[in-house]
């Protein structure tokens, strides 16, 4: 909370919540989110409904993402919050900083303040909001979460891929995103898979000085359950690179799609990376029950995937 600080401070609310649970029960709390921070969800929801709020929140899911502003705005009047919808980046970033949803990360070479999401617990609130934005129908959201459970409970990624194609891709293809790459796809999967009750969740986790796309490592206090550790590597192929239209891509047989040179090339690259990350994960964590997958996405139309055997 100071641009001259050289070290980060842990969130005191989260620390005391964790330590109190550990003191009382000698184990981790079931949920890492303290209910006292749940109100922050409403503040992120408020920002997401502003004209530039949704893309800004989504952009924060990128690797090492941050928002740069000249200075933090310190005053937020009632009229500013309720009446004026013409909010700019500085207002939004300052407000999220003021309520604890962003923290100071650095000062750039240009003298601007660099703000970022402070921790994984706070990141979960952003992910929850993105899921609500993209899947407004609660029944569809429930179906998506059910398909995600098939992955970490049974090791079956196909239902999740089917859901992403049938629901997320239709929404994403109609939205004006400045980028369309594996990050976009990763956000779709992450919003459904995120579960910090059972897992240590991270996207772009640093493993052996490299970054995985999505890892789900079972929490030490949850290893008694019959679930899998998950590693997924994503690759994105634009329709233009495949020389296909969306209609043509959607009508292709799955085998023909899998055998396309551009798909095979990206699949091989994803498998290679996943194998490297899996080796590093096995050195870092003991007793892994690892299920690894390479996922290659063609436009916002098709998915090709492969389970990777590391033995």
Protein backbone atom coordinates (compact mmCIF):
# COMPACT_ATOMS: atom_id res chain seq x y z
CA UNK A 1 0.00 0.00 0.00
CA UNK A 2 3.01 2.24 -0.46
CA UNK A 3 4.99 2.75 -3.68
CA UNK A 4 8.23 3.01 -1.67
CA UNK A 5 7.84 -0.36 0.08
CA UNK A 6 10.30 -3.10 -0.83
CA UNK A 7 8.32 -6.04 0.58
CA UNK A 8 4.73 -7.22 0.29
CA UNK A 9 2.49 -7.55 3.34
CA UNK A 10 0.07 -10.43 3.76
CA UNK A 11 -3.59 -9.48 3.94
CA UNK A 12 -4.20 -9.28 7.72
CA UNK A 13 -7.86 -10.29 7.47
CA UNK A 14 -6.98 -13.46 5.57
CA UNK A 15 -4.00 -14.21 7.83
CA UNK A 16 -5.99 -13.91 11.04
CA UNK A 17 -8.83 -15.94 9.55
CA UNK A 18 -6.41 -18.72 8.58
CA UNK A 19 -4.48 -18.68 11.87
CA UNK A 20 -7.64 -18.67 13.99
CA UNK A 21 -8.97 -21.74 12.15
CA UNK A 22 -5.61 -23.48 12.50
CA UNK A 23 -5.42 -22.62 16.20
CA UNK A 24 -8.95 -23.87 16.91
CA UNK A 25 -8.98 -27.01 14.77
CA UNK A 26 -5.30 -27.73 13.94
CA UNK A 27 -6.08 -27.80 10.22
CA UNK A 28 -6.60 -25.48 7.27
CA UNK A 29 -9.98 -23.72 7.02
CA UNK A 30 -12.33 -25.41 4.57
CA UNK A 31 -12.62 -22.26 2.46
CA UNK A 32 -9.71 -19.85 2.05
CA UNK A 33 -12.06 -16.88 1.63
CA UNK A 34 -13.02 -15.09 4.84
CA UNK A 35 -16.70 -14.09 4.76
CA UNK A 36 -15.62 -10.59 5.76
CA UNK A 37 -14.14 -10.22 2.27
CA UNK A 38 -17.23 -11.52 0.47
CA UNK A 39 -18.56 -7.96 0.20
CA UNK A 40 -15.68 -7.27 -2.22
CA UNK A 41 -17.58 -9.35 -4.78
CA UNK A 42 -20.21 -6.60 -4.93
CA UNK A 43 -17.53 -3.99 -5.59
CA UNK A 44 -16.03 -5.99 -8.45
CA UNK A 45 -19.57 -6.50 -9.80
CA UNK A 46 -20.11 -2.73 -9.72
CA UNK A 47 -16.95 -2.15 -11.76
CA UNK A 48 -17.81 -4.92 -14.25
CA UNK A 49 -21.07 -3.15 -15.14
CA UNK A 50 -19.31 0.06 -16.18
CA UNK A 51 -18.73 0.59 -19.93
CA UNK A 52 -15.04 -0.36 -19.82
CA UNK A 53 -15.23 -2.48 -16.67
CA UNK A 54 -15.79 -5.92 -18.20
CA UNK A 55 -12.77 -5.94 -20.57
CA UNK A 56 -10.58 -4.45 -17.83
CA UNK A 57 -11.48 -7.20 -15.36
CA UNK A 58 -10.98 -9.86 -18.02
CA UNK A 59 -7.60 -8.41 -19.01
CA UNK A 60 -6.42 -8.81 -15.41
CA UNK A 61 -6.49 -12.59 -15.92
CA UNK A 62 -3.47 -12.36 -18.24
CA UNK A 63 -0.05 -13.48 -17.02
CA UNK A 64 1.58 -10.83 -14.82
CA UNK A 65 -1.30 -8.51 -15.70
CA UNK A 66 -1.39 -5.04 -14.18
CA UNK A 67 -3.02 -1.65 -14.61
CA UNK A 68 -0.79 1.40 -14.89
CA UNK A 69 -2.05 4.80 -13.73
CA UNK A 70 -0.40 8.13 -13.00
CA UNK A 71 -1.68 8.30 -9.42
CA UNK A 72 -4.34 6.82 -7.16
CA UNK A 73 -7.53 8.82 -6.97
CA UNK A 74 -8.40 9.35 -3.31
CA UNK A 75 -11.96 10.66 -3.38
CA UNK A 76 -15.11 8.81 -4.42
CA UNK A 77 -18.26 10.88 -3.99
CA UNK A 78 -21.76 9.41 -4.01
CA UNK A 79 -22.50 11.17 -7.29
CA UNK A 80 -19.33 9.71 -8.81
CA UNK A 81 -20.32 6.20 -7.82
CA UNK A 82 -24.05 6.30 -8.58
CA UNK A 83 -24.65 8.90 -11.28
CA UNK A 84 -21.59 9.20 -13.52
CA UNK A 85 -21.09 6.18 -15.82
CA UNK A 86 -18.18 7.72 -17.75
CA UNK A 87 -15.48 6.12 -15.61
CA UNK A 88 -11.95 5.90 -16.98
CA UNK A 89 -9.10 3.52 -16.18
CA UNK A 90 -7.76 5.74 -13.42
CA UNK A 91 -11.09 5.83 -11.59
CA UNK A 92 -11.65 2.08 -11.92
CA UNK A 93 -8.10 1.14 -10.91
CA UNK A 94 -8.16 3.59 -7.98
CA UNK A 95 -11.49 2.28 -6.76
CA UNK A 96 -10.34 -1.36 -6.94
CA UNK A 97 -7.16 -0.37 -5.09
CA UNK A 98 -9.14 1.56 -2.48
CA UNK A 99 -11.34 -1.47 -1.70
CA UNK A 100 -8.38 -3.88 -1.61
CA UNK A 101 -9.06 -5.66 -4.91
CA UNK A 102 -5.77 -4.37 -6.37
CA UNK A 103 -2.43 -3.64 -4.73
CA UNK A 104 0.67 -1.66 -5.68
CA UNK A 105 3.12 -3.85 -7.55
CA UNK A 106 5.77 -1.44 -8.77
CA UNK A 107 6.55 1.93 -10.29
CA UNK A 108 7.24 1.85 -14.02
CA UNK A 109 10.15 3.50 -15.81
CA UNK A 110 7.68 6.18 -16.85
CA UNK A 111 6.85 6.95 -13.23
CA UNK A 112 3.40 5.37 -13.26
CA UNK A 113 1.96 3.20 -10.49
CA UNK A 114 1.53 -0.45 -11.42
CA UNK A 115 -1.43 -2.15 -9.74
CA UNK A 116 -2.16 -5.90 -9.75
CA UNK A 117 -4.42 -8.48 -8.09
CA UNK A 118 -2.85 -9.07 -4.64
CA UNK A 119 -3.39 -12.82 -4.11
CA UNK A 120 -5.15 -15.96 -5.30
CA UNK A 121 -8.04 -15.52 -2.86
CA UNK A 122 -8.84 -12.11 -4.33
CA UNK A 123 -8.30 -13.50 -7.82
CA UNK A 124 -11.07 -16.01 -7.14
CA UNK A 125 -13.53 -13.09 -6.81
CA UNK A 126 -12.56 -11.84 -10.26
CA UNK A 127 -12.94 -15.34 -11.70
CA UNK A 128 -16.35 -15.72 -10.08
CA UNK A 129 -17.48 -12.42 -11.59
CA UNK A 130 -16.24 -13.35 -15.07
CA UNK A 131 -18.18 -16.62 -14.83
CA UNK A 132 -21.32 -14.68 -13.90
CA UNK A 133 -20.78 -12.23 -16.78
CA UNK A 134 -20.30 -14.92 -19.41
CA UNK A 135 -22.87 -17.40 -18.10
CA UNK A 136 -25.83 -15.37 -16.88
CA UNK A 137 -28.21 -18.34 -16.76
CA UNK A 138 -27.72 -20.15 -13.39
CA UNK A 139 -28.82 -23.52 -14.81
CA UNK A 140 -26.18 -23.28 -17.53
CA UNK A 141 -23.57 -22.27 -14.93
CA UNK A 142 -24.44 -25.34 -12.88
CA UNK A 143 -24.09 -27.56 -15.94
CA UNK A 144 -20.67 -26.05 -16.60
CA UNK A 145 -19.47 -26.71 -13.06
CA UNK A 146 -20.84 -30.27 -13.27
CA UNK A 147 -18.84 -30.85 -16.47
CA UNK A 148 -15.74 -29.52 -14.70
CA UNK A 149 -16.24 -32.04 -11.89
CA UNK A 150 -16.08 -34.82 -14.48
CA UNK A 151 -12.49 -33.75 -15.14
CA UNK A 152 -11.08 -33.71 -11.63
CA UNK A 153 -13.26 -36.53 -10.28
CA UNK A 154 -13.13 -38.95 -13.23
CA UNK A 155 -10.28 -37.64 -15.37
CA UNK A 156 -12.66 -37.03 -18.30
CA UNK A 157 -12.12 -33.70 -20.06
CA UNK A 158 -14.57 -34.29 -22.94
CA UNK A 159 -17.72 -33.00 -21.14
CA UNK A 160 -15.86 -29.81 -20.22
CA UNK A 161 -14.66 -29.29 -23.79
CA UNK A 162 -18.20 -29.87 -25.08
CA UNK A 163 -19.58 -27.29 -22.65
CA UNK A 164 -16.98 -24.70 -23.62
CA UNK A 165 -17.76 -25.20 -27.31
CA UNK A 166 -21.54 -25.15 -26.91
CA UNK A 167 -21.77 -22.24 -24.47
CA UNK A 168 -18.61 -20.19 -23.97
CA UNK A 169 -17.53 -20.07 -27.62
CA UNK A 170 -20.90 -18.74 -28.75
CA UNK A 171 -20.60 -15.92 -26.23
CA UNK A 172 -16.93 -15.15 -26.84
CA UNK A 173 -17.34 -15.04 -30.62
CA UNK A 174 -19.95 -12.28 -30.24
CA UNK A 175 -17.86 -10.08 -27.96
CA UNK A 176 -15.30 -7.49 -28.95
CA UNK A 177 -12.08 -8.76 -27.41
CA UNK A 178 -8.79 -7.07 -28.24
CA UNK A 179 -7.13 -10.47 -28.18
CA UNK A 180 -8.16 -14.01 -29.03
CA UNK A 181 -5.61 -16.60 -28.02
CA UNK A 182 -5.01 -19.39 -25.53
CA UNK A 183 -5.59 -16.89 -22.71
CA UNK A 184 -9.20 -16.42 -23.78
CA UNK A 185 -9.71 -20.17 -23.78
CA UNK A 186 -7.87 -20.59 -20.49
CA UNK A 187 -10.21 -18.08 -18.85
CA UNK A 188 -13.19 -20.12 -20.02
CA UNK A 189 -11.78 -23.32 -18.51
CA UNK A 190 -10.53 -21.58 -15.36
CA UNK A 191 -13.90 -20.03 -14.50
CA UNK A 192 -15.43 -23.51 -14.47
CA UNK A 193 -12.59 -25.40 -12.82
CA UNK A 194 -11.69 -22.92 -10.07
CA UNK A 195 -12.11 -24.67 -6.72
CA UNK A 196 -9.98 -23.48 -3.80
CA UNK A 197 -11.83 -25.73 -1.35
CA UNK A 198 -10.16 -28.82 -2.83
CA UNK A 199 -7.22 -27.35 -4.74
CA UNK A 200 -4.29 -24.99 -4.75
CA UNK A 201 -5.38 -23.16 -7.87
CA UNK A 202 -3.17 -21.18 -10.17
CA UNK A 203 -3.04 -20.22 -13.79
CA UNK A 204 0.42 -19.35 -15.09
CA UNK A 205 2.01 -21.06 -12.08
CA UNK A 206 5.78 -20.75 -12.10
CA UNK A 207 7.37 -24.20 -12.24
CA UNK A 208 11.11 -24.52 -12.70
CA UNK A 209 11.30 -20.91 -13.98
CA UNK A 210 8.63 -21.57 -16.57
CA UNK A 211 4.91 -20.93 -16.48
CA UNK A 212 2.24 -23.60 -16.79
CA UNK A 213 -1.11 -22.64 -18.27
CA UNK A 214 -3.35 -24.18 -15.61
CA UNK A 215 -2.52 -26.36 -12.63
CA UNK A 216 -4.81 -27.77 -9.95
CA UNK A 217 -2.82 -29.28 -7.09
CA UNK A 218 -4.85 -31.03 -4.41
CA UNK A 219 -4.57 -29.22 -1.07
CA UNK A 220 -2.46 -31.16 1.49
CA UNK A 221 -5.51 -31.50 3.76
CA UNK A 222 -7.71 -32.87 0.94
CA UNK A 223 -5.59 -35.73 -0.38
CA UNK A 224 -7.88 -38.30 1.22
CA UNK A 225 -10.48 -37.63 -1.47
CA UNK A 226 -10.65 -39.54 -4.76
CA UNK A 227 -9.79 -36.66 -7.07
CA UNK A 228 -6.94 -35.91 -9.45
CA UNK A 229 -4.23 -33.28 -9.69
CA UNK A 230 -4.71 -31.54 -13.04
CA UNK A 231 -2.30 -29.97 -15.54
CA UNK A 232 -3.56 -28.42 -18.79
CA UNK A 233 -1.55 -26.78 -21.57
CA UNK A 234 -3.47 -24.67 -24.08
CA UNK A 235 -2.70 -23.66 -27.65
CA UNK A 236 -4.79 -21.43 -29.90
CA UNK A 237 -4.95 -21.61 -33.70
CA UNK A 238 -6.66 -18.74 -35.52
CA UNK A 239 -9.08 -19.63 -38.30
CA UNK A 240 -6.97 -17.57 -40.69
CA UNK A 241 -3.88 -19.66 -39.87
CA UNK A 242 -5.87 -22.82 -40.58
CA UNK A 243 -7.30 -21.24 -43.75
CA UNK A 244 -10.81 -22.11 -42.65
CA UNK A 245 -14.06 -20.31 -42.05
CA UNK A 246 -15.95 -20.84 -38.82
CA UNK A 247 -18.68 -22.72 -40.68
CA UNK A 248 -16.15 -25.04 -42.32
CA UNK A 249 -14.37 -25.67 -39.01
CA UNK A 250 -17.64 -26.54 -37.26
CA UNK A 251 -18.59 -29.04 -39.98
CA UNK A 252 -15.28 -30.95 -39.97
CA UNK A 253 -15.03 -34.50 -38.70
CA UNK A 254 -13.07 -34.66 -35.43
CA UNK A 255 -10.46 -37.04 -36.88
CA UNK A 256 -9.88 -34.72 -39.84
CA UNK A 257 -9.57 -31.78 -37.47
CA UNK A 258 -7.05 -33.61 -35.26
CA UNK A 259 -4.92 -34.45 -38.31
CA UNK A 260 -4.65 -30.90 -39.65
CA UNK A 261 -0.94 -29.89 -39.78
CA UNK A 262 -1.48 -26.70 -37.77
CA UNK A 263 -3.40 -28.62 -35.08
CA UNK A 264 -0.81 -31.40 -34.91
CA UNK A 265 2.04 -28.89 -34.68
CA UNK A 266 0.46 -27.06 -31.77
CA UNK A 267 -0.59 -30.31 -30.12
CA UNK A 268 3.00 -31.59 -30.21
CA UNK A 269 4.23 -28.31 -28.69
CA UNK A 270 1.62 -28.45 -25.91
CA UNK A 271 2.47 -32.09 -25.12
CA UNK A 272 6.18 -31.27 -24.96
CA UNK A 273 5.56 -28.40 -22.55
CA UNK A 274 3.18 -30.47 -20.43
CA UNK A 275 5.76 -33.26 -20.11
CA UNK A 276 8.39 -30.76 -18.95
CA UNK A 277 6.03 -29.19 -16.42
CA UNK A 278 4.86 -32.59 -15.17
CA UNK A 279 8.44 -33.61 -14.39
CA UNK A 280 8.96 -30.39 -12.44
CA UNK A 281 5.65 -30.80 -10.59
CA UNK A 282 6.58 -34.32 -9.51
CA UNK A 283 9.81 -32.98 -8.02
CA UNK A 284 8.00 -30.18 -6.20
CA UNK A 285 5.00 -32.14 -4.90
CA UNK A 286 4.87 -35.65 -3.49
CA UNK A 287 2.06 -38.16 -4.00
CA UNK A 288 0.70 -36.54 -7.15
CA UNK A 289 -2.23 -38.23 -8.88
CA UNK A 290 -1.59 -36.25 -12.01
CA UNK A 291 -3.83 -36.09 -15.05
CA UNK A 292 -2.34 -34.00 -17.84
CA UNK A 293 -3.97 -32.72 -21.01
CA UNK A 294 -2.96 -30.79 -24.11
CA UNK A 295 -5.81 -28.69 -25.50
CA UNK A 296 -5.66 -27.03 -28.92
CA UNK A 297 -8.46 -24.64 -29.85
CA UNK A 298 -9.34 -23.64 -33.40
CA UNK A 299 -10.89 -20.17 -33.43
CA UNK A 300 -13.92 -20.09 -31.17
CA UNK A 301 -15.31 -23.13 -32.94
CA UNK A 302 -13.54 -26.42 -32.21
CA UNK A 303 -11.32 -28.14 -29.65
CA UNK A 304 -8.79 -30.92 -30.11
CA UNK A 305 -7.38 -32.51 -26.96
CA UNK A 306 -5.18 -35.35 -25.85
CA UNK A 307 -4.50 -36.92 -22.48
CA UNK A 308 -0.79 -37.28 -21.79
CA UNK A 309 0.72 -40.37 -20.22
CA UNK A 310 3.85 -39.36 -18.28
CA UNK A 311 4.92 -42.90 -17.38
